[in-house]
Amino acid sequence: ATDLLAVIEFIADEFPEAPVTLKAEGSVVAGAVFAACLSGKVSNAEIETEGLSFEDGSLPLVPGILQYGDMEFWMGKMKA
């Protein structure tokens, strides 16, 4: 997530008038969602999370993440 966040921030700073679109699928979706939540500079996200969750182990291990919520919770935070 921190690597993706750095890329998002760089692009947003270099091209402040351009919208930033984030696209992700597969095992990288968790990092993409976290980066979008942290950045606030993503204007559009196309992130395919269907069938992926921390609870069932289909996403990489993030210790303690389920105390906050699974992928639906984080997708909601990204859109806020």
N, C-alpha and C. Protein backbone atom coordinates (compact mmCIF):
# COMPACT_ATOMS: atom_id res chain seq x y z
N ALA A 1 0.82 -1.20 0.00
CA ALA A 1 0.00 0.00 0.00
C ALA A 1 0.86 1.26 0.00
N THR A 2 1.97 1.24 0.72
CA THR A 2 2.81 2.44 0.77
C THR A 2 3.46 2.73 -0.57
N ASP A 3 3.82 1.69 -1.31
CA ASP A 3 4.39 1.89 -2.65
C ASP A 3 3.34 2.50 -3.59
N LEU A 4 2.14 1.95 -3.56
CA LEU A 4 1.06 2.50 -4.40
C LEU A 4 0.72 3.93 -3.98
N LEU A 5 0.71 4.18 -2.68
CA LEU A 5 0.45 5.53 -2.18
C LEU A 5 1.49 6.51 -2.70
N ALA A 6 2.75 6.12 -2.71
CA ALA A 6 3.81 7.00 -3.21
C ALA A 6 3.60 7.32 -4.69
N VAL A 7 3.19 6.34 -5.47
CA VAL A 7 2.93 6.57 -6.90
C VAL A 7 1.74 7.50 -7.08
N ILE A 8 0.67 7.26 -6.34
CA ILE A 8 -0.52 8.13 -6.42
C ILE A 8 -0.15 9.57 -6.07
N GLU A 9 0.57 9.75 -4.99
CA GLU A 9 0.94 11.10 -4.54
C GLU A 9 1.83 11.79 -5.57
N PHE A 10 2.78 11.05 -6.15
CA PHE A 10 3.67 11.63 -7.16
C PHE A 10 2.86 12.09 -8.37
N ILE A 11 2.01 11.21 -8.87
CA ILE A 11 1.21 11.56 -10.05
C ILE A 11 0.31 12.76 -9.76
N ALA A 12 -0.34 12.74 -8.62
CA ALA A 12 -1.24 13.84 -8.26
C ALA A 12 -0.49 15.16 -8.13
N ASP A 13 0.72 15.11 -7.60
CA ASP A 13 1.52 16.34 -7.45
C ASP A 13 2.06 16.84 -8.79
N GLU A 14 2.46 15.91 -9.66
CA GLU A 14 3.01 16.29 -10.96
C GLU A 14 1.95 16.79 -11.93
N PHE A 15 0.74 16.27 -11.81
CA PHE A 15 -0.36 16.63 -12.71
C PHE A 15 -1.59 17.00 -11.88
N PRO A 16 -1.55 18.13 -11.18
CA PRO A 16 -2.61 18.48 -10.23
C PRO A 16 -3.99 18.66 -10.86
N GLU A 17 -4.06 18.97 -12.12
CA GLU A 17 -5.35 19.17 -12.78
C GLU A 17 -5.95 17.87 -13.31
N ALA A 18 -5.14 16.83 -13.43
CA ALA A 18 -5.60 15.56 -13.99
C ALA A 18 -6.23 14.68 -12.90
N PRO A 19 -7.35 14.05 -13.22
CA PRO A 19 -7.94 13.12 -12.25
C PRO A 19 -7.08 11.86 -12.14
N VAL A 20 -7.01 11.30 -10.95
CA VAL A 20 -6.24 10.08 -10.72
C VAL A 20 -7.21 8.91 -10.65
N THR A 21 -7.04 7.95 -11.57
CA THR A 21 -7.86 6.74 -11.58
C THR A 21 -6.99 5.58 -11.15
N LEU A 22 -7.51 4.78 -10.23
CA LEU A 22 -6.79 3.63 -9.71
C LEU A 22 -7.54 2.37 -10.14
N LYS A 23 -6.85 1.46 -10.82
CA LYS A 23 -7.43 0.19 -11.25
C LYS A 23 -6.65 -0.94 -10.62
N ALA A 24 -7.38 -1.94 -10.09
CA ALA A 24 -6.69 -3.08 -9.47
C ALA A 24 -7.59 -4.30 -9.46
N GLU A 25 -6.95 -5.46 -9.52
CA GLU A 25 -7.65 -6.72 -9.38
C GLU A 25 -6.69 -7.75 -8.82
N GLY A 26 -7.23 -8.83 -8.30
CA GLY A 26 -6.39 -9.89 -7.74
C GLY A 26 -5.84 -9.55 -6.36
N SER A 27 -4.72 -10.13 -6.04
CA SER A 27 -4.17 -10.01 -4.69
C SER A 27 -3.71 -8.61 -4.32
N VAL A 28 -3.58 -7.71 -5.30
CA VAL A 28 -3.13 -6.35 -5.01
C VAL A 28 -4.28 -5.42 -4.59
N VAL A 29 -5.53 -5.90 -4.63
CA VAL A 29 -6.65 -5.01 -4.34
C VAL A 29 -6.61 -4.43 -2.94
N ALA A 30 -6.17 -5.20 -1.97
CA ALA A 30 -6.11 -4.69 -0.60
C ALA A 30 -5.16 -3.49 -0.52
N GLY A 31 -3.99 -3.61 -1.10
CA GLY A 31 -3.04 -2.50 -1.11
C GLY A 31 -3.60 -1.29 -1.85
N ALA A 32 -4.31 -1.53 -2.94
CA ALA A 32 -4.90 -0.43 -3.70
C ALA A 32 -5.97 0.29 -2.89
N VAL A 33 -6.81 -0.46 -2.22
CA VAL A 33 -7.85 0.16 -1.39
C VAL A 33 -7.23 0.94 -0.25
N PHE A 34 -6.24 0.37 0.42
CA PHE A 34 -5.58 1.09 1.52
C PHE A 34 -4.89 2.36 1.02
N ALA A 35 -4.23 2.28 -0.12
CA ALA A 35 -3.56 3.46 -0.69
C ALA A 35 -4.59 4.54 -1.02
N ALA A 36 -5.71 4.16 -1.60
CA ALA A 36 -6.75 5.14 -1.92
C ALA A 36 -7.33 5.77 -0.65
N CYS A 37 -7.51 4.97 0.39
CA CYS A 37 -8.01 5.50 1.67
C CYS A 37 -7.03 6.51 2.25
N LEU A 38 -5.75 6.22 2.18
CA LEU A 38 -4.73 7.09 2.75
C LEU A 38 -4.50 8.35 1.93
N SER A 39 -4.65 8.27 0.64
CA SER A 39 -4.30 9.38 -0.23
C SER A 39 -5.35 10.48 -0.26
N GLY A 40 -6.56 10.14 -0.56
CA GLY A 40 -7.58 11.16 -0.74
C GLY A 40 -7.48 11.86 -2.09
N LYS A 41 -6.53 11.46 -2.92
CA LYS A 41 -6.34 12.10 -4.23
C LYS A 41 -6.83 11.24 -5.39
N VAL A 42 -7.42 10.10 -5.08
CA VAL A 42 -7.96 9.22 -6.11
C VAL A 42 -9.37 9.69 -6.44
N SER A 43 -9.58 10.10 -7.68
CA SER A 43 -10.89 10.61 -8.07
C SER A 43 -11.81 9.51 -8.60
N ASN A 44 -11.23 8.39 -9.03
CA ASN A 44 -12.01 7.28 -9.56
C ASN A 44 -11.26 6.00 -9.28
N ALA A 45 -11.99 4.97 -8.86
CA ALA A 45 -11.36 3.68 -8.59
C ALA A 45 -12.16 2.56 -9.23
N GLU A 46 -11.45 1.70 -9.92
CA GLU A 46 -12.03 0.51 -10.51
C GLU A 46 -11.30 -0.67 -9.89
N ILE A 47 -11.80 -1.10 -8.75
CA ILE A 47 -11.13 -2.14 -7.98
C ILE A 47 -12.08 -3.33 -7.84
N GLU A 48 -11.67 -4.45 -8.37
CA GLU A 48 -12.49 -5.65 -8.38
C GLU A 48 -12.24 -6.46 -7.11
N THR A 49 -13.19 -6.39 -6.17
CA THR A 49 -13.03 -7.10 -4.89
C THR A 49 -13.98 -8.28 -4.74
N GLU A 50 -14.83 -8.51 -5.72
CA GLU A 50 -15.82 -9.58 -5.60
C GLU A 50 -15.14 -10.92 -5.35
N GLY A 51 -15.61 -11.59 -4.29
CA GLY A 51 -15.07 -12.90 -3.95
C GLY A 51 -13.77 -12.86 -3.16
N LEU A 52 -13.27 -11.68 -2.84
CA LEU A 52 -12.03 -11.56 -2.08
C LEU A 52 -12.31 -11.05 -0.68
N SER A 53 -11.71 -11.67 0.31
CA SER A 53 -11.89 -11.21 1.69
C SER A 53 -10.68 -11.61 2.52
N PHE A 54 -10.50 -10.88 3.60
CA PHE A 54 -9.45 -11.23 4.55
C PHE A 54 -9.87 -12.45 5.35
N GLU A 55 -11.18 -12.53 5.65
CA GLU A 55 -11.68 -13.61 6.50
C GLU A 55 -11.44 -14.99 5.89
N ASP A 56 -11.68 -15.13 4.59
CA ASP A 56 -11.53 -16.46 3.98
C ASP A 56 -10.10 -16.72 3.49
N GLY A 57 -9.21 -15.76 3.65
CA GLY A 57 -7.81 -15.95 3.28
C GLY A 57 -7.50 -15.73 1.82
N SER A 58 -8.46 -15.18 1.06
CA SER A 58 -8.20 -14.94 -0.36
C SER A 58 -7.44 -13.64 -0.60
N LEU A 59 -7.22 -12.88 0.44
CA LEU A 59 -6.37 -11.68 0.38
C LEU A 59 -5.17 -11.90 1.29
N PRO A 60 -4.07 -11.20 1.04
CA PRO A 60 -2.88 -11.37 1.88
C PRO A 60 -3.17 -11.07 3.35
N LEU A 61 -2.43 -11.73 4.22
CA LEU A 61 -2.59 -11.57 5.65
C LEU A 61 -2.26 -10.14 6.08
N VAL A 62 -3.20 -9.51 6.78
CA VAL A 62 -2.98 -8.20 7.40
C VAL A 62 -3.37 -8.37 8.86
N PRO A 63 -2.40 -8.53 9.74
CA PRO A 63 -2.72 -8.81 11.14
C PRO A 63 -3.67 -7.78 11.75
N GLY A 64 -4.70 -8.27 12.40
CA GLY A 64 -5.65 -7.42 13.12
C GLY A 64 -6.65 -6.69 12.25
N ILE A 65 -6.65 -6.89 10.94
CA ILE A 65 -7.51 -6.10 10.06
C ILE A 65 -8.99 -6.36 10.31
N LEU A 66 -9.36 -7.59 10.67
CA LEU A 66 -10.77 -7.91 10.84
C LEU A 66 -11.39 -7.26 12.06
N GLN A 67 -10.58 -6.72 12.97
CA GLN A 67 -11.17 -5.99 14.10
C GLN A 67 -11.84 -4.71 13.62
N TYR A 68 -11.47 -4.25 12.44
CA TYR A 68 -12.09 -3.07 11.84
C TYR A 68 -13.14 -3.45 10.82
N GLY A 69 -12.89 -4.47 10.04
CA GLY A 69 -13.85 -4.92 9.05
C GLY A 69 -13.15 -5.56 7.86
N ASP A 70 -13.97 -6.23 7.05
CA ASP A 70 -13.44 -6.90 5.88
C ASP A 70 -13.49 -5.94 4.68
N MET A 71 -13.37 -6.45 3.50
CA MET A 71 -13.20 -5.62 2.30
C MET A 71 -14.33 -4.62 2.09
N GLU A 72 -15.58 -4.98 2.42
CA GLU A 72 -16.69 -4.04 2.24
C GLU A 72 -16.48 -2.78 3.08
N PHE A 73 -16.00 -2.95 4.30
CA PHE A 73 -15.73 -1.79 5.18
C PHE A 73 -14.70 -0.87 4.55
N TRP A 74 -13.60 -1.45 4.07
CA TRP A 74 -12.52 -0.64 3.51
C TRP A 74 -12.91 0.01 2.20
N MET A 75 -13.73 -0.65 1.41
CA MET A 75 -14.22 -0.03 0.17
C MET A 75 -15.08 1.18 0.52
N GLY A 76 -15.88 1.08 1.57
CA GLY A 76 -16.68 2.21 2.03
C GLY A 76 -15.83 3.37 2.50
N LYS A 77 -14.73 3.09 3.16
CA LYS A 77 -13.82 4.14 3.63
C LYS A 77 -13.15 4.83 2.45
N MET A 78 -12.89 4.08 1.41
CA MET A 78 -12.25 4.65 0.23
C MET A 78 -13.19 5.64 -0.45
N LYS A 79 -14.48 5.34 -0.49
CA LYS A 79 -15.46 6.19 -1.17
C LYS A 79 -15.83 7.41 -0.35
N ALA A 80 -15.55 7.37 0.95
CA ALA A 80 -15.95 8.49 1.83
C ALA A 80 -15.16 9.74 1.55
